[in-house]
Amino acid sequence: MTASGATGYPLARFTLFTAIAAVTWAGYSGLIGYLGGAAFESNPTLGLALGVGLALSITALGELFRYVALPASNARWWPR
């Protein structure tokens, strides 16, 4: 069973949007890699530190939002 079948979404539309998402993801991932390589060519450790710091910051903000914004009735599904 595919994700299309599990959700009941028509296969043709699902395939179209999946293809658009794949091309978009590949494009921006390649662009980020190219720009990051150009920006941190002389100091790759700084690029690594910036990437890890950015990832941890985004994760912390998401968890803070989840903790503050979700009502207590969802505590069964989202442990605090």
Foldseek 3Di string as FASTA:
>chain_A
DDPCVVVVNDPVVVVVVVVVVVVVVVVVVVVVVVVLCVVCVPPVVVSVVVVVVVVVVVVVVVVVCVVPPDDPVCCVVPPD
